Amino acid sequence: MKLNDLRPLMQETFKGTYRLTGRVACFDDEGIPYLKLRLSSCSSDLVVLAVIGSIVIPEHLGHMELVVVKGQVCVGAEDSEILLTEIRRPLQTDVAGLPALQTLPRTFCPKPEALDQLIMAVRSLTSLPLQQFIKRVLERRDRLEVFLKAPASKNYHHNEPGGLIAHSLEVAQNVLAMIQVNEPEMPRELRELGFVAGLLHDIGKTYTYDMHGKPTAAAKLCDHADLTLEACACGLAYLDKVDPDSALALRHIWTCASPGARYGAAPAMTVARYVRDADAQSAMADNQRKAYRKRHPVGFGRLGNNVYWKPSVTAHG
């Protein structure tokens, strides 16, 4: 490829805020140095070119760092390329104006369908404080890759790459389903709080797994449920200022009724029970599916120490 052969398409411009998810130093056929950058968002993943010396490239750009870019779509002898005309670190106003979860890098999610469902659900929340809360918890450079890649458990339910996001979304959706059946009159604001509590009930696992799905030292020393509040600390500090009742309710839900995270306080709201039960049902349903994966789906099945039984049911006309 010769960079000097690239010709801009005037009607095709490019701009946006992305995560920097890859970088390779290259030379074109004439020896001109350039960077090949991989940029990712929740909806796209693309490679762009930055010619060294033609634009100012910020120093020490790190993996998963946010960048604001502008560029021009160009055509060459073989293919089209996006040639950057500007790249910089974002201002706080740049990030604040992005839609919720825009900066989750799609390229690192083994279950893109779950990511799409998550984004649609979060953006449909009518509570802007809860949207902002989720942004502050999930769009953290040091945690988001683990959230997208990690399993939900080591040996049992949702133990595949991407299992954590799939299980988290399943629990959140199950909470809404339980509310609809048992308390259809519940205010939407409280329903949304239940959804968020279910979605982030296992967020402490972003400390107990690494980005490759391997248990960390924290997994041996701490229970993941005890790390939930730490993982949500920035978001809860924000909610304390704009919606203190929601902040307190989330703390109560995660500490009173989540398995392994009981601190002595009895559940004081039904949503706490729904989160606990939705978590257990999601885990058991996936375990049961795994127990019968390689056998006839009736009778007894086993997964680890868990035993399951499916009766033979005959349909009667």
Protein backbone atom coordinates (compact mmCIF):
# COMPACT_ATOMS: atom_id res chain seq x y z
CA MET A 1 0.00 0.00 0.00
CA LYS A 2 1.17 3.52 -0.82
CA LEU A 3 -0.24 6.24 1.41
CA ASN A 4 0.41 8.82 -1.32
CA ASP A 5 -1.97 6.94 -3.61
CA LEU A 6 -4.93 7.36 -1.26
CA ARG A 7 -7.52 9.86 -2.52
CA PRO A 8 -10.25 11.26 -0.25
CA LEU A 9 -13.94 10.83 -0.98
CA MET A 10 -15.19 14.30 -0.10
CA GLN A 11 -18.65 13.07 0.83
CA GLU A 12 -17.30 10.43 3.21
CA THR A 13 -16.10 11.80 6.55
CA PHE A 14 -15.54 10.00 9.81
CA LYS A 15 -15.66 11.05 13.46
CA GLY A 16 -16.53 9.70 16.87
CA THR A 17 -15.38 8.58 20.32
CA TYR A 18 -13.96 5.08 20.61
CA ARG A 19 -11.90 2.75 22.76
CA LEU A 20 -8.38 2.13 21.49
CA THR A 21 -8.28 -1.68 21.34
CA GLY A 22 -5.26 -2.29 19.12
CA ARG A 23 -2.20 -0.57 17.69
CA VAL A 24 0.46 -1.69 15.18
CA ALA A 25 3.34 0.40 13.80
CA CYS A 26 3.77 -0.03 10.04
CA PHE A 27 5.57 1.32 6.95
CA ASP A 28 3.95 1.71 3.55
CA ASP A 29 5.59 0.61 0.29
CA GLU A 30 7.52 3.88 0.13
CA GLY A 31 8.78 3.65 3.71
CA ILE A 32 6.38 6.20 5.19
CA PRO A 33 5.65 5.33 8.86
CA TYR A 34 2.08 5.12 10.10
CA LEU A 35 0.03 3.56 12.87
CA LYS A 36 -2.75 1.09 12.25
CA LEU A 37 -5.24 1.67 15.06
CA ARG A 38 -8.16 -0.53 16.02
CA LEU A 39 -11.11 1.48 17.36
CA SER A 40 -14.12 -0.07 19.06
CA SER A 41 -17.51 0.98 20.41
CA CYS A 42 -20.61 -0.95 21.45
CA SER A 43 -21.80 -1.12 17.84
CA SER A 44 -18.70 -1.11 15.65
CA ASP A 45 -15.11 -2.23 15.35
CA LEU A 46 -12.83 -0.73 12.70
CA VAL A 47 -9.23 -0.13 11.70
CA VAL A 48 -7.97 3.37 10.84
CA LEU A 49 -4.61 4.78 9.77
CA ALA A 50 -2.68 7.60 11.44
CA VAL A 51 0.31 8.88 9.46
CA ILE A 52 3.16 9.70 11.82
CA GLY A 53 4.24 13.30 11.38
CA SER A 54 1.10 14.43 9.58
CA ILE A 55 -1.08 14.72 12.71
CA VAL A 56 -0.38 15.16 16.41
CA ILE A 57 -0.77 11.82 18.16
CA PRO A 58 -1.12 12.00 21.97
CA GLU A 59 1.72 10.38 23.85
CA HIS A 60 1.35 7.18 25.86
CA LEU A 61 -2.09 6.22 24.63
CA GLY A 62 -2.99 3.07 26.54
CA HIS A 63 -5.00 -0.03 25.77
CA MET A 64 -8.74 0.62 26.16
CA GLU A 65 -8.21 4.37 26.50
CA LEU A 66 -10.89 6.64 25.03
CA VAL A 67 -9.99 8.73 22.00
CA VAL A 68 -11.91 11.28 19.94
CA VAL A 69 -11.07 10.99 16.25
CA LYS A 70 -11.83 12.67 12.95
CA GLY A 71 -10.88 11.30 9.57
CA GLN A 72 -11.48 10.98 5.88
CA VAL A 73 -12.53 7.91 3.93
CA CYS A 74 -9.98 7.45 1.15
CA VAL A 75 -9.67 5.08 -1.80
CA GLY A 76 -6.47 3.60 -3.14
CA ALA A 77 -5.41 1.18 -5.81
CA GLU A 78 -6.60 -1.86 -3.82
CA ASP A 79 -9.06 -0.84 -1.12
CA SER A 80 -10.51 1.99 0.89
CA GLU A 81 -9.03 3.22 4.17
CA ILE A 82 -9.93 5.70 6.88
CA LEU A 83 -7.14 8.23 7.22
CA LEU A 84 -7.21 10.17 10.49
CA THR A 85 -6.97 13.95 10.43
CA GLU A 86 -7.24 14.34 14.21
CA ILE A 87 -6.90 12.18 17.31
CA ARG A 88 -7.05 13.41 20.91
CA ARG A 89 -8.06 12.40 24.38
CA PRO A 90 -11.69 13.30 25.15
CA LEU A 91 -12.86 16.13 27.35
CA GLN A 92 -15.27 15.39 30.17
CA THR A 93 -18.06 16.95 28.11
CA ASP A 94 -17.30 14.57 25.23
CA VAL A 95 -17.81 11.54 27.44
CA ALA A 96 -20.84 12.94 29.28
CA GLY A 97 -22.66 13.45 25.98
CA LEU A 98 -22.30 9.82 24.84
CA PRO A 99 -25.28 7.43 24.98
CA ALA A 100 -25.19 4.92 27.81
CA LEU A 101 -22.69 2.07 27.30
CA GLN A 102 -21.47 3.52 24.00
CA THR A 103 -17.85 2.82 24.91
CA LEU A 104 -18.21 -0.89 25.69
CA PRO A 105 -15.95 -2.48 23.02
CA ARG A 106 -17.98 -4.91 20.96
CA THR A 107 -14.85 -6.66 19.73
CA PHE A 108 -14.18 -8.08 23.21
CA CYS A 109 -17.66 -9.49 23.86
CA PRO A 110 -17.99 -13.23 23.06
CA LYS A 111 -21.79 -12.84 23.19
CA PRO A 112 -22.62 -9.78 21.04
CA GLU A 113 -26.35 -10.60 21.12
CA ALA A 114 -26.31 -10.22 24.92
CA LEU A 115 -24.45 -6.92 24.55
CA ASP A 116 -27.11 -5.64 22.13
CA GLN A 117 -29.89 -6.62 24.54
CA LEU A 118 -28.07 -4.98 27.44
CA ILE A 119 -27.59 -1.70 25.60
CA MET A 120 -31.20 -1.59 24.43
CA ALA A 121 -32.48 -2.31 27.95
CA VAL A 122 -30.26 0.27 29.68
CA ARG A 123 -31.06 2.99 27.16
CA SER A 124 -34.79 2.31 27.62
CA LEU A 125 -34.60 3.16 31.34
CA THR A 126 -36.64 6.28 32.05
CA SER A 127 -34.50 7.07 35.10
CA LEU A 128 -31.55 9.13 33.90
CA PRO A 129 -29.81 8.79 37.31
CA LEU A 130 -29.91 5.00 36.96
CA GLN A 131 -28.53 5.23 33.42
CA GLN A 132 -25.70 7.41 34.68
CA PHE A 133 -25.14 5.02 37.57
CA ILE A 134 -24.70 2.08 35.18
CA LYS A 135 -22.33 4.11 33.01
CA ARG A 136 -20.16 4.86 36.03
CA VAL A 137 -20.06 1.20 37.03
CA LEU A 138 -19.65 -0.59 33.68
CA GLU A 139 -17.72 1.91 31.55
CA ARG A 140 -14.59 1.71 33.66
CA ARG A 141 -11.44 1.08 31.68
CA ASP A 142 -10.03 -1.29 34.31
CA ARG A 143 -13.17 -3.45 34.63
CA LEU A 144 -15.19 -3.43 31.42
CA GLU A 145 -13.14 -5.98 29.49
CA VAL A 146 -13.54 -8.49 32.31
CA PHE A 147 -17.29 -7.84 32.48
CA LEU A 148 -17.60 -8.62 28.76
CA LYS A 149 -15.33 -11.68 28.71
CA ALA A 150 -15.54 -13.41 32.09
CA PRO A 151 -17.63 -16.49 32.94
CA ALA A 152 -20.28 -16.29 35.65
CA SER A 153 -18.79 -19.27 37.50
CA LYS A 154 -15.70 -21.43 37.32
CA ASN A 155 -17.22 -24.88 36.89
CA TYR A 156 -20.99 -24.59 36.80
CA HIS A 157 -23.59 -22.18 35.45
CA HIS A 158 -22.71 -19.83 32.57
CA ASN A 159 -19.06 -20.92 32.84
CA GLU A 160 -18.17 -19.99 29.26
CA PRO A 161 -16.57 -16.76 27.98
CA GLY A 162 -19.23 -14.05 28.10
CA GLY A 163 -21.17 -15.99 30.72
CA LEU A 164 -21.12 -13.11 33.21
CA ILE A 165 -22.88 -10.63 30.92
CA ALA A 166 -25.37 -13.31 29.81
CA HIS A 167 -26.21 -14.35 33.38
CA SER A 168 -26.40 -10.74 34.59
CA LEU A 169 -28.85 -9.81 31.86
CA GLU A 170 -30.89 -12.96 32.45
CA VAL A 171 -31.25 -12.18 36.17
CA ALA A 172 -32.29 -8.60 35.44
CA GLN A 173 -34.93 -9.76 32.98
CA ASN A 174 -36.17 -12.43 35.39
CA VAL A 175 -36.62 -9.79 38.10
CA LEU A 176 -38.91 -7.82 35.78
CA ALA A 177 -40.86 -10.98 34.93
CA MET A 178 -41.40 -11.79 38.62
CA ILE A 179 -42.57 -8.26 39.34
CA GLN A 180 -45.02 -8.43 36.45
CA VAL A 181 -46.56 -11.63 37.82
CA ASN A 182 -46.60 -10.77 41.52
CA GLU A 183 -46.81 -6.97 41.68
CA PRO A 184 -48.01 -5.58 38.35
CA GLU A 185 -48.98 -2.36 40.13
CA MET A 186 -45.37 -1.66 41.19
CA PRO A 187 -44.22 1.81 40.02
CA ARG A 188 -41.94 1.86 37.00
CA GLU A 189 -39.21 3.60 38.99
CA LEU A 190 -39.03 0.67 41.42
CA ARG A 191 -39.16 -1.86 38.57
CA GLU A 192 -36.16 -0.18 36.99
CA LEU A 193 -34.33 -0.27 40.30
CA GLY A 194 -34.96 -4.02 40.43
CA PHE A 195 -33.60 -4.40 36.90
CA VAL A 196 -30.40 -2.54 37.81
CA ALA A 197 -29.99 -4.54 41.03
CA GLY A 198 -30.32 -7.79 39.10
CA LEU A 199 -27.99 -6.62 36.35
CA LEU A 200 -25.15 -5.74 38.74
CA HIS A 201 -25.67 -8.36 41.45
CA ASP A 202 -22.53 -10.23 40.30
CA ILE A 203 -20.40 -7.23 39.35
CA GLY A 204 -17.97 -8.16 42.13
CA LYS A 205 -16.82 -10.99 39.87
CA THR A 206 -14.94 -8.42 37.78
CA TYR A 207 -12.47 -8.56 40.68
CA THR A 208 -12.38 -12.35 41.02
CA TYR A 209 -11.77 -13.14 37.33
CA ASP A 210 -9.20 -11.73 34.94
CA MET A 211 -9.87 -10.89 31.28
CA HIS A 212 -9.03 -14.48 30.31
CA GLY A 213 -11.64 -15.91 32.66
CA LYS A 214 -9.06 -17.20 35.16
CA PRO A 215 -9.63 -16.79 38.92
CA THR A 216 -7.57 -14.01 40.51
CA ALA A 217 -5.98 -13.84 43.95
CA ALA A 218 -9.11 -12.00 45.08
CA ALA A 219 -11.13 -15.11 44.24
CA LYS A 220 -9.18 -17.06 46.88
CA LEU A 221 -9.24 -14.31 49.48
CA CYS A 222 -12.67 -12.67 49.08
CA ASP A 223 -16.22 -13.63 48.23
CA HIS A 224 -17.33 -11.93 45.02
CA ALA A 225 -20.57 -10.78 46.66
CA ASP A 226 -18.57 -8.85 49.24
CA LEU A 227 -16.92 -6.90 46.40
CA THR A 228 -20.16 -5.73 44.79
CA LEU A 229 -20.36 -2.49 46.74
CA GLU A 230 -16.69 -1.77 46.00
CA ALA A 231 -17.27 -2.29 42.28
CA CYS A 232 -20.24 0.09 42.42
CA ALA A 233 -18.63 2.68 44.71
CA CYS A 234 -18.28 5.45 42.10
CA GLY A 235 -21.84 4.94 40.90
CA LEU A 236 -23.27 4.84 44.41
CA ALA A 237 -21.42 8.04 45.34
CA TYR A 238 -23.11 9.69 42.35
CA LEU A 239 -26.55 8.32 43.29
CA ASP A 240 -26.10 9.52 46.87
CA LYS A 241 -26.13 13.07 45.50
CA VAL A 242 -28.97 12.84 42.96
CA ASP A 243 -31.18 9.96 44.17
CA PRO A 244 -30.20 8.89 47.69
CA ASP A 245 -33.16 6.54 48.18
CA SER A 246 -32.14 4.52 45.11
CA ALA A 247 -28.55 4.35 46.35
CA LEU A 248 -29.70 3.07 49.73
CA ALA A 249 -32.13 0.58 48.15
CA LEU A 250 -29.38 -0.93 45.98
CA ARG A 251 -27.09 -1.32 48.97
CA HIS A 252 -29.90 -3.02 50.89
CA ILE A 253 -30.80 -5.39 48.03
CA TRP A 254 -27.23 -6.55 47.50
CA THR A 255 -26.37 -7.02 51.16
CA CYS A 256 -29.57 -8.45 52.65
CA ALA A 257 -30.70 -11.08 50.19
CA SER A 258 -27.96 -11.92 47.70
CA PRO A 259 -26.51 -15.42 48.26
CA GLY A 260 -23.24 -15.21 50.14
CA ALA A 261 -23.73 -11.53 50.99
CA ARG A 262 -25.97 -11.54 54.04
CA TYR A 263 -24.92 -9.08 56.72
CA GLY A 264 -27.74 -9.71 59.19
CA ALA A 265 -30.42 -7.35 57.88
CA ALA A 266 -33.66 -9.00 56.86
CA PRO A 267 -35.06 -8.10 53.41
CA ALA A 268 -37.29 -5.03 53.79
CA MET A 269 -38.58 -4.92 50.20
CA THR A 270 -39.89 -7.54 47.81
CA VAL A 271 -37.44 -6.50 45.09
CA ALA A 272 -34.62 -7.89 47.23
CA ARG A 273 -36.33 -11.30 47.21
CA TYR A 274 -36.88 -11.13 43.47
CA VAL A 275 -33.19 -10.49 42.83
CA ARG A 276 -32.18 -13.38 45.07
CA ASP A 277 -34.65 -15.80 43.47
CA ALA A 278 -33.95 -14.64 39.90
CA ASP A 279 -30.24 -15.28 40.48
CA ALA A 280 -30.88 -18.79 41.82
CA GLN A 281 -33.28 -19.68 39.00
CA SER A 282 -30.93 -18.46 36.26
CA ALA A 283 -28.09 -20.51 37.74
CA MET A 284 -30.16 -23.67 38.26
CA ALA A 285 -31.72 -23.52 34.79
CA ASP A 286 -28.30 -23.30 33.13
CA ASN A 287 -26.91 -26.07 35.35
CA GLN A 288 -29.84 -28.31 34.48
CA ARG A 289 -29.32 -27.69 30.75
CA LYS A 290 -25.68 -28.68 31.13
CA ALA A 291 -26.55 -31.80 33.15
CA TYR A 292 -28.65 -33.17 30.27
CA ARG A 293 -26.51 -31.90 27.40
CA LYS A 294 -25.00 -35.32 26.59
CA ARG A 295 -27.81 -37.64 27.60
CA HIS A 296 -31.48 -38.37 27.03
CA PRO A 297 -33.33 -35.48 28.70
CA VAL A 298 -35.31 -37.55 31.23
CA GLY A 299 -34.47 -39.28 34.49
CA PHE A 300 -31.51 -38.25 36.62
CA GLY A 301 -28.74 -35.93 35.49
CA ARG A 302 -25.67 -34.71 37.32
CA LEU A 303 -23.43 -31.68 37.14
CA GLY A 304 -20.65 -31.79 39.72
CA ASN A 305 -22.33 -32.44 43.06
CA ASN A 306 -25.73 -31.26 41.83
CA VAL A 307 -28.33 -33.89 40.94
CA TYR A 308 -31.33 -33.14 38.71
CA TRP A 309 -34.39 -35.13 37.78
CA LYS A 310 -36.74 -34.82 34.84
CA PRO A 311 -39.85 -36.99 34.88
CA SER A 312 -41.08 -38.64 31.71
CA VAL A 313 -44.21 -36.72 30.79
CA THR A 314 -46.64 -38.17 28.27
CA ALA A 315 -49.01 -35.86 26.45
CA HIS A 316 -52.65 -36.96 26.55
CA GLY A 317 -55.01 -35.92 23.80
